[in-house]
């Protein structure tokens, strides 16, 4: 039986903080940053969090080339 625990620092908050510090990043660069911080982050769960942040209006994801996306923080005015 696997016991799931809450992470002290949620992944979606880490994504927003990384984009605030570094500016716009590609999805691969952002995923590598998160894997360095959390270790066991899957690409599927990363995409789900990224999609939820985009639906909430916190980030904007656009396509650069095939297989590469640009992730940027939405500026609130």
PDB file of N, CA and C in Angstrom:
ATOM      1  N   UNK A   1       0.841  -1.179   0.000  1.00  0.00           N
ATOM      2  CA  UNK A   1       0.000   0.000   0.000  1.00  0.00           C
ATOM      3  C   UNK A   1       0.886   1.241   0.000  1.00  0.00           C
ATOM      4  N   UNK A   2       0.644   2.103  -0.922  1.00  0.00           N
ATOM      5  CA  UNK A   2       1.428   3.326  -1.059  1.00  0.00           C
ATOM      6  C   UNK A   2       0.740   4.476  -0.335  1.00  0.00           C
ATOM      7  N   UNK A   3       1.499   5.182   0.443  1.00  0.00           N
ATOM      8  CA  UNK A   3       0.962   6.336   1.153  1.00  0.00           C
ATOM      9  C   UNK A   3       1.454   7.594   0.462  1.00  0.00           C
ATOM     10  N   UNK A   4       0.520   8.426   0.010  1.00  0.00           N
ATOM     11  CA  UNK A   4       0.879   9.677  -0.642  1.00  0.00           C
ATOM     12  C   UNK A   4       0.884  10.786   0.394  1.00  0.00           C
ATOM     13  N   UNK A   5       1.888  11.604   0.352  1.00  0.00           N
ATOM     14  CA  UNK A   5       1.971  12.733   1.271  1.00  0.00           C
ATOM     15  C   UNK A   5       2.008  14.028   0.479  1.00  0.00           C
ATOM     16  N   UNK A   6       1.638  15.096   1.139  1.00  0.00           N
ATOM     17  CA  UNK A   6       1.675  16.415   0.516  1.00  0.00           C
ATOM     18  C   UNK A   6       3.110  16.884   0.431  1.00  0.00           C
ATOM     19  N   UNK A   7       3.435  17.498  -0.651  1.00  0.00           N
ATOM     20  CA  UNK A   7       4.758  18.089  -0.785  1.00  0.00           C
ATOM     21  C   UNK A   7       4.738  19.439  -0.079  1.00  0.00           C
ATOM     22  N   UNK A   8       5.821  19.791   0.623  1.00  0.00           N
ATOM     23  CA  UNK A   8       5.826  21.064   1.334  1.00  0.00           C
ATOM     24  C   UNK A   8       5.789  22.274   0.397  1.00  0.00           C
ATOM     25  N   UNK A   9       6.229  22.085  -0.846  1.00  0.00           N
ATOM     26  CA  UNK A   9       6.254  23.164  -1.830  1.00  0.00           C
ATOM     27  C   UNK A   9       5.604  22.629  -3.108  1.00  0.00           C
ATOM     28  N   UNK A  10       4.360  23.015  -3.411  1.00  0.00           N
ATOM     29  CA  UNK A  10       3.660  22.458  -4.573  1.00  0.00           C
ATOM     30  C   UNK A  10       4.385  22.743  -5.889  1.00  0.00           C
ATOM     31  N   UNK A  11       4.223  21.840  -6.839  1.00  0.00           N
ATOM     32  CA  UNK A  11       4.901  21.960  -8.131  1.00  0.00           C
ATOM     33  C   UNK A  11       4.417  23.190  -8.893  1.00  0.00           C
ATOM     34  N   UNK A  12       3.121  23.489  -8.817  1.00  0.00           N
ATOM     35  CA  UNK A  12       2.626  24.651  -9.563  1.00  0.00           C
ATOM     36  C   UNK A  12       3.224  25.953  -9.031  1.00  0.00           C
ATOM     37  N   UNK A  13       3.437  26.033  -7.745  1.00  0.00           N
ATOM     38  CA  UNK A  13       4.085  27.209  -7.168  1.00  0.00           C
ATOM     39  C   UNK A  13       5.548  27.292  -7.593  1.00  0.00           C
ATOM     40  N   UNK A  14       6.213  26.148  -7.680  1.00  0.00           N
ATOM     41  CA  UNK A  14       7.609  26.116  -8.134  1.00  0.00           C
ATOM     42  C   UNK A  14       7.725  26.564  -9.591  1.00  0.00           C
ATOM     43  N   UNK A  15       6.740  26.209 -10.415  1.00  0.00           N
ATOM     44  CA  UNK A  15       6.750  26.637 -11.820  1.00  0.00           C
ATOM     45  C   UNK A  15       6.619  28.155 -11.906  1.00  0.00           C
ATOM     46  N   UNK A  16       5.670  28.717 -11.174  1.00  0.00           N
ATOM     47  CA  UNK A  16       5.461  30.165 -11.199  1.00  0.00           C
ATOM     48  C   UNK A  16       6.693  30.893 -10.679  1.00  0.00           C
ATOM     49  N   UNK A  17       7.286  30.417  -9.595  1.00  0.00           N
ATOM     50  CA  UNK A  17       8.485  31.061  -9.046  1.00  0.00           C
ATOM     51  C   UNK A  17       9.655  30.976 -10.009  1.00  0.00           C
ATOM     52  N   UNK A  18       9.826  29.854 -10.687  1.00  0.00           N
ATOM     53  CA  UNK A  18      10.911  29.709 -11.659  1.00  0.00           C
ATOM     54  C   UNK A  18      10.737  30.675 -12.816  1.00  0.00           C
ATOM     55  N   UNK A  19       9.496  30.838 -13.275  1.00  0.00           N
ATOM     56  CA  UNK A  19       9.244  31.766 -14.384  1.00  0.00           C
ATOM     57  C   UNK A  19       9.413  33.213 -13.943  1.00  0.00           C
ATOM     58  N   UNK A  20       9.103  33.527 -12.679  1.00  0.00           N
ATOM     59  CA  UNK A  20       9.332  34.886 -12.177  1.00  0.00           C
ATOM     60  C   UNK A  20      10.824  35.204 -12.139  1.00  0.00           C
ATOM     61  N   UNK A  21      11.629  34.233 -11.713  1.00  0.00           N
ATOM     62  CA  UNK A  21      13.073  34.450 -11.593  1.00  0.00           C
ATOM     63  C   UNK A  21      13.780  34.467 -12.934  1.00  0.00           C
ATOM     64  N   UNK A  22      13.474  33.511 -13.817  1.00  0.00           N
ATOM     65  CA  UNK A  22      14.246  33.330 -15.043  1.00  0.00           C
ATOM     66  C   UNK A  22      13.586  33.889 -16.299  1.00  0.00           C
ATOM     67  N   UNK A  23      12.311  34.243 -16.213  1.00  0.00           N
ATOM     68  CA  UNK A  23      11.606  34.705 -17.407  1.00  0.00           C
ATOM     69  C   UNK A  23      11.063  33.521 -18.184  1.00  0.00           C
ATOM     70  N   UNK A  24      10.742  33.725 -19.452  1.00  0.00           N
ATOM     71  CA  UNK A  24      10.166  32.670 -20.282  1.00  0.00           C
ATOM     72  C   UNK A  24      11.187  31.563 -20.516  1.00  0.00           C
ATOM     73  N   UNK A  25      10.716  30.319 -20.442  1.00  0.00           N
ATOM     74  CA  UNK A  25      11.570  29.147 -20.643  1.00  0.00           C
ATOM     75  C   UNK A  25      10.879  28.181 -21.599  1.00  0.00           C
ATOM     76  N   UNK A  26      11.654  27.253 -22.157  1.00  0.00           N
ATOM     77  CA  UNK A  26      11.029  26.176 -22.908  1.00  0.00           C
ATOM     78  C   UNK A  26      10.505  25.150 -21.915  1.00  0.00           C
ATOM     79  N   UNK A  27       9.594  24.309 -22.378  1.00  0.00           N
ATOM     80  CA  UNK A  27       9.030  23.305 -21.481  1.00  0.00           C
ATOM     81  C   UNK A  27      10.094  22.323 -20.990  1.00  0.00           C
ATOM     82  N   UNK A  28      11.073  22.013 -21.809  1.00  0.00           N
ATOM     83  CA  UNK A  28      12.136  21.077 -21.415  1.00  0.00           C
ATOM     84  C   UNK A  28      13.022  21.698 -20.340  1.00  0.00           C
ATOM     85  N   UNK A  29      13.380  22.972 -20.505  1.00  0.00           N
ATOM     86  CA  UNK A  29      14.192  23.653 -19.483  1.00  0.00           C
ATOM     87  C   UNK A  29      13.457  23.711 -18.148  1.00  0.00           C
ATOM     88  N   UNK A  30      12.183  24.019 -18.199  1.00  0.00           N
ATOM     89  CA  UNK A  30      11.379  24.096 -16.982  1.00  0.00           C
ATOM     90  C   UNK A  30      11.231  22.717 -16.335  1.00  0.00           C
ATOM     91  N   UNK A  31      11.035  21.690 -17.143  1.00  0.00           N
ATOM     92  CA  UNK A  31      10.923  20.328 -16.628  1.00  0.00           C
ATOM     93  C   UNK A  31      12.228  19.890 -15.964  1.00  0.00           C
ATOM     94  N   UNK A  32      13.357  20.230 -16.579  1.00  0.00           N
ATOM     95  CA  UNK A  32      14.654  19.885 -15.987  1.00  0.00           C
ATOM     96  C   UNK A  32      14.875  20.595 -14.657  1.00  0.00           C
ATOM     97  N   UNK A  33      14.442  21.853 -14.553  1.00  0.00           N
ATOM     98  CA  UNK A  33      14.535  22.575 -13.280  1.00  0.00           C
ATOM     99  C   UNK A  33      13.723  21.881 -12.190  1.00  0.00           C
ATOM    100  N   UNK A  34      12.518  21.460 -12.542  1.00  0.00           N
ATOM    101  CA  UNK A  34      11.657  20.790 -11.568  1.00  0.00           C
ATOM    102  C   UNK A  34      12.207  19.423 -11.178  1.00  0.00           C
ATOM    103  N   UNK A  35      12.765  18.693 -12.135  1.00  0.00           N
ATOM    104  CA  UNK A  35      13.356  17.393 -11.799  1.00  0.00           C
ATOM    105  C   UNK A  35      14.554  17.549 -10.892  1.00  0.00           C
ATOM    106  N   UNK A  36      15.299  18.633 -11.060  1.00  0.00           N
ATOM    107  CA  UNK A  36      16.419  18.892 -10.161  1.00  0.00           C
ATOM    108  C   UNK A  36      15.954  19.203  -8.749  1.00  0.00           C
ATOM    109  N   UNK A  37      14.803  19.821  -8.635  1.00  0.00           N
ATOM    110  CA  UNK A  37      14.281  20.215  -7.326  1.00  0.00           C
ATOM    111  C   UNK A  37      13.502  19.086  -6.649  1.00  0.00           C
ATOM    112  N   UNK A  38      12.680  18.368  -7.414  1.00  0.00           N
ATOM    113  CA  UNK A  38      11.801  17.352  -6.841  1.00  0.00           C
ATOM    114  C   UNK A  38      12.269  15.919  -7.081  1.00  0.00           C
ATOM    115  N   UNK A  39      13.054  15.703  -8.102  1.00  0.00           N
ATOM    116  CA  UNK A  39      13.542  14.352  -8.365  1.00  0.00           C
ATOM    117  C   UNK A  39      12.594  13.507  -9.193  1.00  0.00           C
ATOM    118  N   UNK A  40      11.501  13.084  -8.635  1.00  0.00           N
ATOM    119  CA  UNK A  40      10.619  12.124  -9.306  1.00  0.00           C
ATOM    120  C   UNK A  40       9.365  12.790  -9.862  1.00  0.00           C
ATOM    121  N   UNK A  41       9.540  13.694 -10.795  1.00  0.00           N
ATOM    122  CA  UNK A  41       8.408  14.340 -11.467  1.00  0.00           C
ATOM    123  C   UNK A  41       8.300  13.727 -12.853  1.00  0.00           C
ATOM    124  N   UNK A  42       7.123  13.207 -13.176  1.00  0.00           N
ATOM    125  CA  UNK A  42       6.914  12.641 -14.503  1.00  0.00           C
ATOM    126  C   UNK A  42       6.505  13.715 -15.493  1.00  0.00           C
ATOM    127  N   UNK A  43       6.782  13.482 -16.780  1.00  0.00           N
ATOM    128  CA  UNK A  43       6.450  14.478 -17.789  1.00  0.00           C
ATOM    129  C   UNK A  43       4.937  14.624 -17.937  1.00  0.00           C
ATOM    130  N   UNK A  44       4.193  13.547 -17.726  1.00  0.00           N
ATOM    131  CA  UNK A  44       2.731  13.615 -17.792  1.00  0.00           C
ATOM    132  C   UNK A  44       2.149  14.485 -16.696  1.00  0.00           C
ATOM    133  N   UNK A  45       2.640  14.319 -15.468  1.00  0.00           N
ATOM    134  CA  UNK A  45       2.138  15.147 -14.362  1.00  0.00           C
ATOM    135  C   UNK A  45       2.577  16.595 -14.539  1.00  0.00           C
ATOM    136  N   UNK A  46       3.766  16.812 -15.081  1.00  0.00           N
ATOM    137  CA  UNK A  46       4.233  18.164 -15.384  1.00  0.00           C
ATOM    138  C   UNK A  46       3.295  18.837 -16.381  1.00  0.00           C
ATOM    139  N   UNK A  47       2.899  18.109 -17.429  1.00  0.00           N
ATOM    140  CA  UNK A  47       1.985  18.665 -18.434  1.00  0.00           C
ATOM    141  C   UNK A  47       0.612  18.967 -17.849  1.00  0.00           C
ATOM    142  N   UNK A  48       0.119  18.106 -16.942  1.00  0.00           N
ATOM    143  CA  UNK A  48      -1.174  18.366 -16.311  1.00  0.00           C
ATOM    144  C   UNK A  48      -1.138  19.642 -15.478  1.00  0.00           C
ATOM    145  N   UNK A  49      -0.061  19.833 -14.720  1.00  0.00           N
ATOM    146  CA  UNK A  49       0.075  21.041 -13.901  1.00  0.00           C
ATOM    147  C   UNK A  49       0.188  22.265 -14.801  1.00  0.00           C
ATOM    148  N   UNK A  50       0.957  22.144 -15.882  1.00  0.00           N
ATOM    149  CA  UNK A  50       1.124  23.246 -16.826  1.00  0.00           C
ATOM    150  C   UNK A  50      -0.216  23.610 -17.473  1.00  0.00           C
ATOM    151  N   UNK A  51      -1.015  22.609 -17.839  1.00  0.00           N
ATOM    152  CA  UNK A  51      -2.316  22.871 -18.438  1.00  0.00           C
ATOM    153  C   UNK A  51      -3.251  23.545 -17.436  1.00  0.00           C
ATOM    154  N   UNK A  52      -3.227  23.094 -16.186  1.00  0.00           N
ATOM    155  CA  UNK A  52      -4.077  23.712 -15.169  1.00  0.00           C
ATOM    156  C   UNK A  52      -3.686  25.172 -14.942  1.00  0.00           C
ATOM    157  N   UNK A  53      -2.376  25.463 -14.927  1.00  0.00           N
ATOM    158  CA  UNK A  53      -1.924  26.843 -14.760  1.00  0.00           C
ATOM    159  C   UNK A  53      -2.339  27.710 -15.946  1.00  0.00           C
ATOM    160  N   UNK A  54      -2.341  27.125 -17.143  1.00  0.00           N
ATOM    161  CA  UNK A  54      -2.757  27.891 -18.317  1.00  0.00           C
ATOM    162  C   UNK A  54      -4.268  28.149 -18.288  1.00  0.00           C
ATOM    163  N   UNK A  55      -5.053  27.176 -17.852  1.00  0.00           N
ATOM    164  CA  UNK A  55      -6.504  27.364 -17.743  1.00  0.00           C
ATOM    165  C   UNK A  55      -6.818  28.419 -16.698  1.00  0.00           C
ATOM    166  N   UNK A  56      -6.056  28.441 -15.603  1.00  0.00           N
ATOM    167  CA  UNK A  56      -6.270  29.435 -14.548  1.00  0.00           C
ATOM    168  C   UNK A  56      -5.786  30.826 -14.957  1.00  0.00           C
ATOM    169  N   UNK A  57      -5.080  30.934 -16.080  1.00  0.00           N
ATOM    170  CA  UNK A  57      -4.623  32.222 -16.573  1.00  0.00           C
ATOM    171  C   UNK A  57      -3.331  32.702 -15.946  1.00  0.00           C
ATOM    172  N   UNK A  58      -2.547  31.806 -15.382  1.00  0.00           N
ATOM    173  CA  UNK A  58      -1.295  32.197 -14.738  1.00  0.00           C
ATOM    174  C   UNK A  58      -0.098  32.117 -15.676  1.00  0.00           C
ATOM    175  N   UNK A  59      -0.131  31.189 -16.625  1.00  0.00           N
ATOM    176  CA  UNK A  59       0.948  31.063 -17.594  1.00  0.00           C
ATOM    177  C   UNK A  59       0.353  31.009 -18.997  1.00  0.00           C
ATOM    178  N   UNK A  60       1.212  31.265 -19.982  1.00  0.00           N
ATOM    179  CA  UNK A  60       0.824  31.145 -21.389  1.00  0.00           C
ATOM    180  C   UNK A  60       1.823  30.199 -22.048  1.00  0.00           C
ATOM    181  N   UNK A  61       1.305  29.186 -22.727  1.00  0.00           N
ATOM    182  CA  UNK A  61       2.147  28.199 -23.406  1.00  0.00           C
ATOM    183  C   UNK A  61       1.915  28.337 -24.902  1.00  0.00           C
ATOM    184  N   UNK A  62       3.011  28.520 -25.648  1.00  0.00           N
ATOM    185  CA  UNK A  62       2.901  28.626 -27.099  1.00  0.00           C
ATOM    186  C   UNK A  62       3.900  27.673 -27.744  1.00  0.00           C
ATOM    187  N   UNK A  63       3.620  27.280 -28.961  1.00  0.00           N
ATOM    188  CA  UNK A  63       4.458  26.327 -29.674  1.00  0.00           C
ATOM    189  C   UNK A  63       5.589  27.061 -30.394  1.00  0.00           C
ATOM    190  N   UNK A  64       6.820  26.583 -30.197  1.00  0.00           N
ATOM    191  CA  UNK A  64       7.970  27.155 -30.908  1.00  0.00           C
ATOM    192  C   UNK A  64       8.214  26.367 -32.190  1.00  0.00           C
ATOM    193  N   UNK A  65       8.659  25.134 -32.034  1.00  0.00           N
ATOM    194  CA  UNK A  65       8.843  24.215 -33.149  1.00  0.00           C
ATOM    195  C   UNK A  65       8.229  22.887 -32.735  1.00  0.00           C
ATOM    196  N   UNK A  66       8.230  21.930 -33.622  1.00  0.00           N
ATOM    197  CA  UNK A  66       7.618  20.644 -33.307  1.00  0.00           C
ATOM    198  C   UNK A  66       8.304  20.029 -32.080  1.00  0.00           C
ATOM    199  N   UNK A  67       7.520  19.765 -31.053  1.00  0.00           N
ATOM    200  CA  UNK A  67       8.040  19.136 -29.846  1.00  0.00           C
ATOM    201  C   UNK A  67       8.632  20.093 -28.833  1.00  0.00           C
ATOM    202  N   UNK A  68       8.562  21.398 -29.075  1.00  0.00           N
ATOM    203  CA  UNK A  68       9.125  22.377 -28.150  1.00  0.00           C
ATOM    204  C   UNK A  68       8.122  23.500 -27.927  1.00  0.00           C
ATOM    205  N   UNK A  69       7.893  23.819 -26.647  1.00  0.00           N
ATOM    206  CA  UNK A  69       6.936  24.861 -26.314  1.00  0.00           C
ATOM    207  C   UNK A  69       7.597  25.934 -25.458  1.00  0.00           C
ATOM    208  N   UNK A  70       7.100  27.143 -25.563  1.00  0.00           N
ATOM    209  CA  UNK A  70       7.580  28.264 -24.766  1.00  0.00           C
ATOM    210  C   UNK A  70       6.560  28.515 -23.658  1.00  0.00           C
ATOM    211  N   UNK A  71       7.043  28.587 -22.410  1.00  0.00           N
ATOM    212  CA  UNK A  71       6.177  28.829 -21.252  1.00  0.00           C
ATOM    213  C   UNK A  71       6.559  30.173 -20.668  1.00  0.00           C
ATOM    214  N   UNK A  72       5.575  31.060 -20.550  1.00  0.00           N
ATOM    215  CA  UNK A  72       5.841  32.374 -19.971  1.00  0.00           C
ATOM    216  C   UNK A  72       4.760  32.740 -18.967  1.00  0.00           C
ATOM    217  N   UNK A  73       5.129  33.540 -18.022  1.00  0.00           N
ATOM    218  CA  UNK A  73       4.211  33.989 -16.988  1.00  0.00           C
ATOM    219  C   UNK A  73       3.325  35.085 -17.535  1.00  0.00           C
ATOM    220  N   UNK A  74       2.048  35.061 -17.209  1.00  0.00           N
ATOM    221  CA  UNK A  74       1.112  36.088 -17.664  1.00  0.00           C
ATOM    222  C   UNK A  74       1.257  37.290 -16.741  1.00  0.00           C
ATOM    223  N   UNK A  75       1.439  38.449 -17.335  1.00  0.00           N
ATOM    224  CA  UNK A  75       1.591  39.686 -16.565  1.00  0.00           C
ATOM    225  C   UNK A  75       0.223  40.181 -16.149  1.00  0.00           C
ATOM    226  N   UNK A  76       0.048  40.468 -14.867  1.00  0.00           N
ATOM    227  CA  UNK A  76      -1.210  41.031 -14.393  1.00  0.00           C
ATOM    228  C   UNK A  76      -1.064  42.545 -14.272  1.00  0.00           C
ATOM    229  N   UNK A  77      -2.042  43.243 -14.830  1.00  0.00           N
ATOM    230  CA  UNK A  77      -1.952  44.705 -14.820  1.00  0.00           C
ATOM    231  C   UNK A  77      -3.036  45.318 -13.979  1.00  0.00           C
TER     232      UNK A  77
END
